[in-house]
C-alpha atoms as a PDB file:
ATOM      1  CA  MET A   1     243.618 166.765  23.923  1.00  0.00           C
ATOM      2  CA  LEU A   2     240.209 167.375  25.503  1.00  0.00           C
ATOM      3  CA  GLU A   3     238.003 164.346  26.058  1.00  0.00           C
ATOM      4  CA  VAL A   4     234.896 164.305  23.864  1.00  0.00           C
ATOM      5  CA  LYS A   5     231.669 164.677  25.805  1.00  0.00           C
ATOM      6  CA  LYS A   6     229.437 161.605  25.497  1.00  0.00           C
ATOM      7  CA  ILE A   7     225.729 161.366  26.324  1.00  0.00           C
ATOM      8  CA  ALA A   8     223.209 158.619  25.596  1.00  0.00           C
ATOM      9  CA  THR A   9     220.338 159.891  23.453  1.00  0.00           C
ATOM     10  CA  ARG A  10     217.834 158.201  25.802  1.00  0.00           C
ATOM     11  CA  GLU A  11     219.059 160.654  28.467  1.00  0.00           C
ATOM     12  CA  SER A  12     218.443 163.468  25.994  1.00  0.00           C
ATOM     13  CA  TYR A  13     214.912 162.170  25.462  1.00  0.00           C
ATOM     14  CA  GLY A  14     214.066 162.302  29.163  1.00  0.00           C
ATOM     15  CA  ASN A  15     215.540 165.771  29.623  1.00  0.00           C
ATOM     16  CA  ALA A  16     213.821 167.137  26.513  1.00  0.00           C
ATOM     17  CA  LEU A  17     210.451 165.852  27.733  1.00  0.00           C
ATOM     18  CA  VAL A  18     210.841 167.823  30.960  1.00  0.00           C
ATOM     19  CA  GLU A  19     211.557 171.014  29.049  1.00  0.00           C
ATOM     20  CA  LEU A  20     208.531 170.422  26.823  1.00  0.00           C
ATOM     21  CA  GLY A  21     206.399 169.674  29.872  1.00  0.00           C
ATOM     22  CA  LYS A  22     207.290 173.044  31.385  1.00  0.00           C
ATOM     23  CA  GLU A  23     206.159 174.835  28.228  1.00  0.00           C
ATOM     24  CA  HIS A  24     203.144 172.770  27.203  1.00  0.00           C
ATOM     25  CA  GLU A  25     200.495 171.406  29.529  1.00  0.00           C
ATOM     26  CA  ASP A  26     199.132 169.089  26.828  1.00  0.00           C
ATOM     27  CA  VAL A  27     202.265 166.917  26.911  1.00  0.00           C
ATOM     28  CA  VAL A  28     201.580 163.523  28.495  1.00  0.00           C
ATOM     29  CA  VAL A  29     204.212 160.786  28.799  1.00  0.00           C
ATOM     30  CA  LEU A  30     203.418 157.083  28.802  1.00  0.00           C
ATOM     31  CA  ASP A  31     205.775 154.253  29.651  1.00  0.00           C
ATOM     32  CA  ALA A  32     205.593 150.477  29.851  1.00  0.00           C
ATOM     33  CA  ASP A  33     207.303 149.744  33.171  1.00  0.00           C
ATOM     34  CA  LEU A  34     210.665 150.997  31.896  1.00  0.00           C
ATOM     35  CA  ALA A  35     210.743 154.609  33.094  1.00  0.00           C
ATOM     36  CA  ALA A  36     214.196 154.212  34.653  1.00  0.00           C
ATOM     37  CA  ALA A  37     215.675 152.788  31.443  1.00  0.00           C
ATOM     38  CA  THR A  38     213.908 155.041  28.917  1.00  0.00           C
ATOM     39  CA  LYS A  39     214.593 158.033  31.193  1.00  0.00           C
ATOM     40  CA  THR A  40     210.948 159.113  31.226  1.00  0.00           C
ATOM     41  CA  GLY A  41     211.345 158.799  34.983  1.00  0.00           C
ATOM     42  CA  ILE A  42     212.866 162.293  34.810  1.00  0.00           C
ATOM     43  CA  PHE A  43     209.541 163.586  33.469  1.00  0.00           C
ATOM     44  CA  LYS A  44     207.611 161.524  36.032  1.00  0.00           C
ATOM     45  CA  LYS A  45     209.514 163.200  38.867  1.00  0.00           C
ATOM     46  CA  ALA A  46     208.755 166.668  37.484  1.00  0.00           C
ATOM     47  CA  PHE A  47     205.153 166.028  36.408  1.00  0.00           C
ATOM     48  CA  PRO A  48     203.770 162.940  38.197  1.00  0.00           C
ATOM     49  CA  GLN A  49     200.182 163.728  37.190  1.00  0.00           C
ATOM     50  CA  ARG A  50     201.113 163.692  33.502  1.00  0.00           C
ATOM     51  CA  HIS A  51     203.052 160.424  33.506  1.00  0.00           C
ATOM     52  CA  ILE A  52     201.202 157.146  32.994  1.00  0.00           C
ATOM     53  CA  ASP A  53     202.871 153.802  33.668  1.00  0.00           C
ATOM     54  CA  CYS A  54     200.956 151.321  31.535  1.00  0.00           C
ATOM     55  CA  GLY A  55     202.816 148.303  32.864  1.00  0.00           C
ATOM     56  CA  ILE A  56     204.334 145.618  30.664  1.00  0.00           C
ATOM     57  CA  ALA A  57     201.589 146.071  28.079  1.00  0.00           C
ATOM     58  CA  GLU A  58     203.039 147.992  25.150  1.00  0.00           C
ATOM     59  CA  CYS A  59     200.154 147.229  22.791  1.00  0.00           C
ATOM     60  CA  ASN A  60     197.681 148.637  25.299  1.00  0.00           C
ATOM     61  CA  MET A  61     199.941 151.663  25.825  1.00  0.00           C
ATOM     62  CA  MET A  62     199.697 152.532  22.130  1.00  0.00           C
ATOM     63  CA  GLY A  63     195.918 152.327  22.348  1.00  0.00           C
ATOM     64  CA  ILE A  64     195.908 154.625  25.372  1.00  0.00           C
ATOM     65  CA  ALA A  65     198.193 157.059  23.542  1.00  0.00           C
ATOM     66  CA  ALA A  66     195.805 157.050  20.582  1.00  0.00           C
ATOM     67  CA  GLY A  67     192.881 157.821  22.895  1.00  0.00           C
ATOM     68  CA  LEU A  68     194.751 160.680  24.552  1.00  0.00           C
ATOM     69  CA  ALA A  69     195.651 162.140  21.158  1.00  0.00           C
ATOM     70  CA  ALA A  70     191.997 161.989  20.146  1.00  0.00           C
ATOM     71  CA  THR A  71     191.162 164.221  23.145  1.00  0.00           C
ATOM     72  CA  GLY A  72     193.736 166.858  22.169  1.00  0.00           C
ATOM     73  CA  LYS A  73     196.663 165.755  24.299  1.00  0.00           C
ATOM     74  CA  VAL A  74     200.137 165.174  22.833  1.00  0.00           C
ATOM     75  CA  PRO A  75     201.208 161.769  24.150  1.00  0.00           C
ATOM     76  CA  PHE A  76     204.789 160.478  24.054  1.00  0.00           C
ATOM     77  CA  ALA A  77     204.554 156.680  24.238  1.00  0.00           C
ATOM     78  CA  SER A  78     207.880 155.274  25.407  1.00  0.00           C
ATOM     79  CA  SER A  79     209.501 151.848  25.484  1.00  0.00           C
ATOM     80  CA  PHE A  80     212.412 149.876  24.047  1.00  0.00           C
ATOM     81  CA  ALA A  81     212.481 149.880  20.236  1.00  0.00           C
ATOM     82  CA  MET A  82     211.939 146.118  20.194  1.00  0.00           C
ATOM     83  CA  PHE A  83     208.624 146.576  22.010  1.00  0.00           C
ATOM     84  CA  ALA A  84     207.494 149.923  20.597  1.00  0.00           C
ATOM     85  CA  ALA A  85     208.078 149.013  16.943  1.00  0.00           C
ATOM     86  CA  GLY A  86     208.074 145.235  17.184  1.00  0.00           C
ATOM     87  CA  ARG A  87     205.588 143.976  19.761  1.00  0.00           C
ATOM     88  CA  ALA A  88     203.140 146.860  19.267  1.00  0.00           C
ATOM     89  CA  PHE A  89     203.406 147.154  15.486  1.00  0.00           C
ATOM     90  CA  GLU A  90     199.755 146.328  14.822  1.00  0.00           C
ATOM     91  CA  GLN A  91     198.499 148.890  17.334  1.00  0.00           C
ATOM     92  CA  VAL A  92     200.893 151.547  15.999  1.00  0.00           C
ATOM     93  CA  ARG A  93     199.712 150.834  12.469  1.00  0.00           C
ATOM     94  CA  ASN A  94     195.972 150.555  13.066  1.00  0.00           C
ATOM     95  CA  SER A  95     195.331 152.741  16.124  1.00  0.00           C
ATOM     96  CA  ILE A  96     197.851 155.519  15.434  1.00  0.00           C
ATOM     97  CA  GLY A  97     198.931 155.407  11.791  1.00  0.00           C
ATOM     98  CA  TYR A  98     195.601 154.642  10.104  1.00  0.00           C
ATOM     99  CA  PRO A  99     193.674 157.510  11.801  1.00  0.00           C
ATOM    100  CA  HIS A 100     196.845 159.663  11.575  1.00  0.00           C
ATOM    101  CA  LEU A 101     196.752 160.596  15.252  1.00  0.00           C
ATOM    102  CA  ASN A 102     199.158 163.004  16.906  1.00  0.00           C
ATOM    103  CA  VAL A 103     201.124 160.389  18.864  1.00  0.00           C
ATOM    104  CA  LYS A 104     204.880 160.551  19.381  1.00  0.00           C
ATOM    105  CA  ILE A 105     206.721 157.278  19.953  1.00  0.00           C
ATOM    106  CA  GLY A 106     209.979 157.420  21.895  1.00  0.00           C
ATOM    107  CA  ALA A 107     211.815 154.157  21.191  1.00  0.00           C
ATOM    108  CA  THR A 108     214.987 153.704  23.232  1.00  0.00           C
ATOM    109  CA  HIS A 109     217.590 150.905  23.323  1.00  0.00           C
ATOM    110  CA  ALA A 110     217.617 150.494  19.533  1.00  0.00           C
ATOM    111  CA  GLY A 111     220.251 148.604  17.553  1.00  0.00           C
ATOM    112  CA  ILE A 112     223.083 146.310  18.605  1.00  0.00           C
ATOM    113  CA  SER A 113     224.449 148.932  21.013  1.00  0.00           C
ATOM    114  CA  VAL A 114     221.889 147.627  23.521  1.00  0.00           C
ATOM    115  CA  GLY A 115     224.823 145.320  24.255  1.00  0.00           C
ATOM    116  CA  GLU A 116     224.510 142.644  26.900  1.00  0.00           C
ATOM    117  CA  ASP A 117     220.706 142.362  26.555  1.00  0.00           C
ATOM    118  CA  GLY A 118     221.386 140.369  23.407  1.00  0.00           C
ATOM    119  CA  ALA A 119     219.648 139.613  20.122  1.00  0.00           C
ATOM    120  CA  THR A 120     216.085 139.545  21.509  1.00  0.00           C
ATOM    121  CA  HIS A 121     216.376 143.185  22.564  1.00  0.00           C
ATOM    122  CA  GLN A 122     218.679 144.499  19.819  1.00  0.00           C
ATOM    123  CA  CYS A 123     216.080 145.846  17.411  1.00  0.00           C
ATOM    124  CA  ASN A 124     217.705 146.270  14.002  1.00  0.00           C
ATOM    125  CA  GLU A 125     214.400 146.259  12.122  1.00  0.00           C
ATOM    126  CA  ASP A 126     212.452 149.179  13.598  1.00  0.00           C
ATOM    127  CA  ILE A 127     213.265 151.800  10.957  1.00  0.00           C
ATOM    128  CA  ALA A 128     212.161 149.381   8.231  1.00  0.00           C
ATOM    129  CA  LEU A 129     208.900 148.656  10.044  1.00  0.00           C
ATOM    130  CA  MET A 130     208.048 152.276  10.800  1.00  0.00           C
ATOM    131  CA  ARG A 131     208.926 153.460   7.269  1.00  0.00           C
ATOM    132  CA  THR A 132     206.131 151.300   5.873  1.00  0.00           C
ATOM    133  CA  ILE A 133     203.382 153.013   7.886  1.00  0.00           C
ATOM    134  CA  PRO A 134     201.786 155.762   5.749  1.00  0.00           C
ATOM    135  CA  GLY A 135     202.291 159.237   7.216  1.00  0.00           C
ATOM    136  CA  MET A 136     204.750 158.122   9.905  1.00  0.00           C
ATOM    137  CA  VAL A 137     207.762 160.408  10.406  1.00  0.00           C
ATOM    138  CA  VAL A 138     210.930 158.481  11.350  1.00  0.00           C
ATOM    139  CA  ILE A 139     213.779 160.241  13.186  1.00  0.00           C
ATOM    140  CA  ASN A 140     217.137 158.789  14.267  1.00  0.00           C
ATOM    141  CA  PRO A 141     219.237 161.511  15.972  1.00  0.00           C
ATOM    142  CA  SER A 142     223.012 161.320  16.110  1.00  0.00           C
ATOM    143  CA  ASP A 143     223.714 162.891  19.501  1.00  0.00           C
ATOM    144  CA  ASP A 144     222.377 164.738  22.551  1.00  0.00           C
ATOM    145  CA  VAL A 145     221.878 168.073  20.790  1.00  0.00           C
ATOM    146  CA  GLU A 146     220.051 166.505  17.874  1.00  0.00           C
ATOM    147  CA  ALA A 147     217.929 164.249  20.083  1.00  0.00           C
ATOM    148  CA  LYS A 148     216.633 167.177  22.122  1.00  0.00           C
ATOM    149  CA  ALA A 149     215.888 169.120  18.952  1.00  0.00           C
ATOM    150  CA  ALA A 150     214.110 166.079  17.512  1.00  0.00           C
ATOM    151  CA  VAL A 151     211.782 165.790  20.513  1.00  0.00           C
ATOM    152  CA  ARG A 152     210.793 169.439  20.160  1.00  0.00           C
ATOM    153  CA  ALA A 153     210.312 169.068  16.395  1.00  0.00           C
ATOM    154  CA  ALA A 154     208.171 165.986  16.987  1.00  0.00           C
ATOM    155  CA  TYR A 155     205.909 167.950  19.322  1.00  0.00           C
ATOM    156  CA  GLU A 156     205.544 170.757  16.781  1.00  0.00           C
ATOM    157  CA  HIS A 157     204.727 168.324  13.961  1.00  0.00           C
ATOM    158  CA  GLN A 158     201.053 167.399  13.584  1.00  0.00           C
ATOM    159  CA  GLY A 159     200.861 163.644  13.121  1.00  0.00           C
ATOM    160  CA  PRO A 160     202.567 160.417  14.227  1.00  0.00           C
ATOM    161  CA  VAL A 161     206.326 160.446  14.801  1.00  0.00           C
ATOM    162  CA  TYR A 162     208.724 157.597  15.601  1.00  0.00           C
ATOM    163  CA  MET A 163     211.947 158.627  17.356  1.00  0.00           C
ATOM    164  CA  ARG A 164     214.863 156.213  17.769  1.00  0.00           C
ATOM    165  CA  PHE A 165     217.177 156.590  20.763  1.00  0.00           C
ATOM    166  CA  GLY A 166     220.168 154.616  22.032  1.00  0.00           C
ATOM    167  CA  ARG A 167     221.388 153.125  25.278  1.00  0.00           C
ATOM    168  CA  LEU A 168     225.074 153.813  24.695  1.00  0.00           C
ATOM    169  CA  ALA A 169     226.639 157.199  25.432  1.00  0.00           C
ATOM    170  CA  VAL A 170     227.780 158.712  22.118  1.00  0.00           C
ATOM    171  CA  PRO A 171     229.950 161.733  21.243  1.00  0.00           C
ATOM    172  CA  VAL A 172     228.255 165.142  21.102  1.00  0.00           C
ATOM    173  CA  ILE A 173     229.028 166.359  17.566  1.00  0.00           C
ATOM    174  CA  ASN A 174     226.374 169.036  16.963  1.00  0.00           C
ATOM    175  CA  ASP A 175     227.231 171.392  19.814  1.00  0.00           C
ATOM    176  CA  ARG A 176     227.756 174.514  17.725  1.00  0.00           C
ATOM    177  CA  PRO A 177     225.961 177.871  17.429  1.00  0.00           C
ATOM    178  CA  ASP A 178     224.887 177.405  13.809  1.00  0.00           C
ATOM    179  CA  TYR A 179     223.272 173.979  14.328  1.00  0.00           C
ATOM    180  CA  LYS A 180     219.714 173.838  13.041  1.00  0.00           C
ATOM    181  CA  PHE A 181     217.313 170.904  13.114  1.00  0.00           C
ATOM    182  CA  GLU A 182     214.645 170.690  10.441  1.00  0.00           C
ATOM    183  CA  LEU A 183     212.436 167.680   9.809  1.00  0.00           C
ATOM    184  CA  GLY A 184     213.217 166.073   6.471  1.00  0.00           C
ATOM    185  CA  LYS A 185     216.482 167.964   5.969  1.00  0.00           C
ATOM    186  CA  GLY A 186     219.903 166.315   6.048  1.00  0.00           C
ATOM    187  CA  VAL A 187     223.025 168.079   7.274  1.00  0.00           C
ATOM    188  CA  VAL A 188     226.295 168.225   5.323  1.00  0.00           C
ATOM    189  CA  LEU A 189     228.985 167.835   7.984  1.00  0.00           C
ATOM    190  CA  LYS A 190     231.900 167.689   5.557  1.00  0.00           C
ATOM    191  CA  GLU A 191     232.223 168.623   1.910  1.00  0.00           C
ATOM    192  CA  GLY A 192     233.992 166.199  -0.426  1.00  0.00           C
ATOM    193  CA  SER A 193     234.128 165.021  -4.029  1.00  0.00           C
ATOM    194  CA  ASP A 194     235.206 161.355  -4.090  1.00  0.00           C
ATOM    195  CA  VAL A 195     232.323 159.606  -2.315  1.00  0.00           C
ATOM    196  CA  ALA A 196     229.190 160.613  -0.378  1.00  0.00           C
ATOM    197  CA  VAL A 197     228.997 158.955   3.039  1.00  0.00           C
ATOM    198  CA  ILE A 198     225.408 159.164   4.275  1.00  0.00           C
ATOM    199  CA  ALA A 199     225.031 158.148   7.919  1.00  0.00           C
ATOM    200  CA  THR A 200     222.402 158.166  10.637  1.00  0.00           C
ATOM    201  CA  GLY A 201     222.276 157.812  14.429  1.00  0.00           C
ATOM    202  CA  LEU A 202     225.387 156.810  16.346  1.00  0.00           C
ATOM    203  CA  CYS A 203     227.083 155.938  13.037  1.00  0.00           C
ATOM    204  CA  VAL A 204     227.411 159.619  12.146  1.00  0.00           C
ATOM    205  CA  SER A 205     230.315 160.190  14.534  1.00  0.00           C
ATOM    206  CA  GLU A 206     231.925 156.935  13.370  1.00  0.00           C
ATOM    207  CA  ALA A 207     231.544 158.062   9.739  1.00  0.00           C
ATOM    208  CA  LEU A 208     233.353 161.309  10.603  1.00  0.00           C
ATOM    209  CA  ASP A 209     236.191 159.267  12.108  1.00  0.00           C
ATOM    210  CA  ALA A 210     236.340 157.159   8.948  1.00  0.00           C
ATOM    211  CA  ALA A 211     236.386 160.319   6.820  1.00  0.00           C
ATOM    212  CA  ALA A 212     239.386 161.649   8.732  1.00  0.00           C
ATOM    213  CA  MET A 213     241.258 158.399   7.965  1.00  0.00           C
ATOM    214  CA  LEU A 214     240.301 158.587   4.291  1.00  0.00           C
ATOM    215  CA  GLU A 215     241.603 162.157   4.063  1.00  0.00           C
ATOM    216  CA  LYS A 216     245.043 160.918   5.153  1.00  0.00           C
ATOM    217  CA  ASP A 217     244.954 158.602   2.126  1.00  0.00           C
ATOM    218  CA  GLY A 218     244.123 161.466  -0.223  1.00  0.00           C
ATOM    219  CA  ILE A 219     240.443 160.521  -0.499  1.00  0.00           C
ATOM    220  CA  HIS A 220     237.985 163.360   0.028  1.00  0.00           C
ATOM    221  CA  PRO A 221     234.590 162.095   1.239  1.00  0.00           C
ATOM    222  CA  MET A 222     231.447 164.139   1.701  1.00  0.00           C
ATOM    223  CA  VAL A 223     229.771 163.267   5.018  1.00  0.00           C
ATOM    224  CA  ILE A 224     226.025 163.737   5.430  1.00  0.00           C
ATOM    225  CA  ASN A 225     223.993 163.311   8.603  1.00  0.00           C
ATOM    226  CA  ILE A 226     220.473 162.070   7.858  1.00  0.00           C
ATOM    227  CA  HIS A 227     218.518 162.439  11.093  1.00  0.00           C
ATOM    228  CA  THR A 228     215.103 162.172   9.407  1.00  0.00           C
ATOM    229  CA  ILE A 229     214.830 158.956   7.443  1.00  0.00           C
ATOM    230  CA  LYS A 230     211.207 159.613   6.558  1.00  0.00           C
ATOM    231  CA  PRO A 231     210.596 162.008   4.912  1.00  0.00           C
ATOM    232  CA  LEU A 232     214.059 161.666   3.396  1.00  0.00           C
ATOM    233  CA  ASP A 233     215.961 164.681   2.088  1.00  0.00           C
ATOM    234  CA  THR A 234     215.799 163.431  -1.503  1.00  0.00           C
ATOM    235  CA  GLU A 235     217.200 166.648  -2.951  1.00  0.00           C
ATOM    236  CA  LEU A 236     220.381 166.375  -0.878  1.00  0.00           C
ATOM    237  CA  VAL A 237     220.778 162.650  -1.555  1.00  0.00           C
ATOM    238  CA  ILE A 238     220.439 163.150  -5.307  1.00  0.00           C
ATOM    239  CA  SER A 239     222.815 166.128  -5.442  1.00  0.00           C
ATOM    240  CA  ALA A 240     225.424 164.265  -3.358  1.00  0.00           C
ATOM    241  CA  ALA A 241     225.253 161.268  -5.687  1.00  0.00           C
ATOM    242  CA  GLN A 242     225.560 163.458  -8.766  1.00  0.00           C
ATOM    243  CA  LYS A 243     228.530 165.305  -7.284  1.00  0.00           C
ATOM    244  CA  THR A 244     230.539 162.282  -6.140  1.00  0.00           C
ATOM    245  CA  GLY A 245     229.355 159.414  -8.354  1.00  0.00           C
ATOM    246  CA  LYS A 246     229.493 156.935  -5.460  1.00  0.00           C
ATOM    247  CA  VAL A 247     227.433 156.628  -2.264  1.00  0.00           C
ATOM    248  CA  VAL A 248     227.978 154.756   1.019  1.00  0.00           C
ATOM    249  CA  THR A 249     225.223 154.514   3.634  1.00  0.00           C
ATOM    250  CA  VAL A 250     226.024 153.717   7.272  1.00  0.00           C
ATOM    251  CA  GLU A 251     223.473 152.701   9.893  1.00  0.00           C
ATOM    252  CA  GLU A 252     223.117 150.719  13.115  1.00  0.00           C
ATOM    253  CA  HIS A 253     220.214 148.857  11.545  1.00  0.00           C
ATOM    254  CA  SER A 254     219.633 146.067   9.079  1.00  0.00           C
ATOM    255  CA  VAL A 255     220.805 146.863   5.549  1.00  0.00           C
ATOM    256  CA  ILE A 256     217.325 145.689   4.545  1.00  0.00           C
ATOM    257  CA  GLY A 257     214.662 148.389   4.759  1.00  0.00           C
ATOM    258  CA  GLY A 258     216.543 151.105   6.625  1.00  0.00           C
ATOM    259  CA  LEU A 259     218.463 154.206   5.576  1.00  0.00           C
ATOM    260  CA  GLY A 260     220.350 152.342   2.844  1.00  0.00           C
ATOM    261  CA  SER A 261     217.153 151.080   1.285  1.00  0.00           C
ATOM    262  CA  ALA A 262     215.548 154.535   1.476  1.00  0.00           C
ATOM    263  CA  VAL A 263     218.573 156.079  -0.268  1.00  0.00           C
ATOM    264  CA  CYS A 264     218.606 153.370  -2.944  1.00  0.00           C
ATOM    265  CA  ASP A 265     214.880 153.885  -3.583  1.00  0.00           C
ATOM    266  CA  VAL A 266     215.618 157.504  -4.431  1.00  0.00           C
ATOM    267  CA  LEU A 267     218.815 157.004  -6.401  1.00  0.00           C
ATOM    268  CA  CYS A 268     217.686 154.128  -8.624  1.00  0.00           C
ATOM    269  CA  GLU A 269     214.933 156.375  -9.948  1.00  0.00           C
ATOM    270  CA  ASN A 270     216.684 159.745 -10.037  1.00  0.00           C
ATOM    271  CA  ALA A 271     220.477 159.348 -10.089  1.00  0.00           C
ATOM    272  CA  PRO A 272     221.696 155.762 -10.536  1.00  0.00           C
ATOM    273  CA  VAL A 273     225.167 155.371  -9.027  1.00  0.00           C
ATOM    274  CA  LYS A 274     227.034 152.602  -7.228  1.00  0.00           C
ATOM    275  CA  VAL A 275     225.926 152.289  -3.584  1.00  0.00           C
ATOM    276  CA  LYS A 276     227.569 150.431  -0.691  1.00  0.00           C
ATOM    277  CA  LYS A 277     225.281 149.759   2.283  1.00  0.00           C
ATOM    278  CA  ILE A 278     227.034 149.367   5.639  1.00  0.00           C
ATOM    279  CA  GLY A 279     224.896 148.046   8.491  1.00  0.00           C
ATOM    280  CA  ILE A 280     223.720 144.782  10.032  1.00  0.00           C
ATOM    281  CA  ASN A 281     223.955 142.195   7.258  1.00  0.00           C
ATOM    282  CA  ASP A 282     220.792 140.081   7.533  1.00  0.00           C
ATOM    283  CA  CYS A 283     221.731 138.521  10.869  1.00  0.00           C
ATOM    284  CA  PHE A 284     220.813 138.724  14.535  1.00  0.00           C
ATOM    285  CA  GLY A 285     223.076 140.320  17.102  1.00  0.00           C
ATOM    286  CA  GLU A 286     224.551 138.741  20.200  1.00  0.00           C
ATOM    287  CA  SER A 287     225.237 139.566  23.812  1.00  0.00           C
ATOM    288  CA  GLY A 288     228.349 141.585  24.626  1.00  0.00           C
ATOM    289  CA  PRO A 289     229.724 145.022  25.503  1.00  0.00           C
ATOM    290  CA  ALA A 290     228.200 147.639  23.196  1.00  0.00           C
ATOM    291  CA  VAL A 291     231.482 149.126  21.972  1.00  0.00           C
ATOM    292  CA  GLU A 292     232.851 145.668  21.144  1.00  0.00           C
ATOM    293  CA  LEU A 293     229.671 144.765  19.266  1.00  0.00           C
ATOM    294  CA  ILE A 294     229.853 147.930  17.187  1.00  0.00           C
ATOM    295  CA  SER A 295     233.366 146.905  16.155  1.00  0.00           C
ATOM    296  CA  ARG A 296     232.454 143.244  15.626  1.00  0.00           C
ATOM    297  CA  TYR A 297     229.640 144.178  13.263  1.00  0.00           C
ATOM    298  CA  GLY A 298     231.801 146.631  11.343  1.00  0.00           C
ATOM    299  CA  LEU A 299     230.222 149.896  12.435  1.00  0.00           C
ATOM    300  CA  ASP A 300     233.224 151.566  14.090  1.00  0.00           C
ATOM    301  CA  GLY A 301     235.244 154.239  12.319  1.00  0.00           C
ATOM    302  CA  LYS A 302     238.125 151.943  11.347  1.00  0.00           C
ATOM    303  CA  SER A 303     235.825 149.283   9.879  1.00  0.00           C
ATOM    304  CA  ILE A 304     233.827 151.890   7.951  1.00  0.00           C
ATOM    305  CA  TYR A 305     237.092 153.332   6.619  1.00  0.00           C
ATOM    306  CA  GLU A 306     238.250 149.894   5.426  1.00  0.00           C
ATOM    307  CA  LYS A 307     234.911 149.129   3.761  1.00  0.00           C
ATOM    308  CA  ILE A 308     234.857 152.465   1.942  1.00  0.00           C
ATOM    309  CA  LYS A 309     238.457 151.958   0.774  1.00  0.00           C
ATOM    310  CA  ALA A 310     237.548 148.536  -0.611  1.00  0.00           C
ATOM    311  CA  PHE A 311     234.432 149.947  -2.282  1.00  0.00           C
ATOM    312  CA  LEU A 312     236.375 152.718  -3.984  1.00  0.00           C
END
């Protein structure tokens, strides 16, 4: 059996920025003393005059990005999710969101898969925070292919965009000729009739693993990849709920305010069904190997399978 190719989406971010930089001279990349970790160092090597290291001053970086956007540039402000969404929230809200400026935020090292850096750096709240900012697009790609497509889509979109990337190398699942990325549109990866499993980010591949286990038990789940959490593909979410009668959401994020909450907001108004939210259950993470943490917090394929079985 061939080994599945794995790539960290932060690597995809850095590589996609270089490709964009070759095509568009208005692309400017900002970083907060983390270019090696966020992989914007790849862009810096290719275009040193268009890379700005703002130092360990994320709030100031967002202000600089806002200023650049106001002059017609397309800035990609980059840092860890904990700093980009957490530390700099006020500046993102007031300097970027309020004037609806064309700033793209590349937030890497999101979720518990940050691993050994521990709870202080494992941002499980960023999707919830960014969803609340009016006009902010929120994207959480599932693999290398999707991450690269997301960066390009973010550039083409006029307005603020928050992109969530991971530290851990994850399986490439979208490497196929018919793959198409469209902002606000979910992707049905597997048809099914017994339950709709709606996943985002690194949990998409784990949800597919869980679905394969469920099939062996005679349960036929639909699996949906939601890469754009805001705007959410409400039409797909509603139709999936109506078709299956039960919905499970899976995310490497708090069950409060993330994908699960966005799905429930839609369903309680349009298609009330039972929903099981799988994610980080109102707790902080801890230091440890990323793969072990994913299992410990119930986000691996086997754990998702067991939780869906119990739910059904």
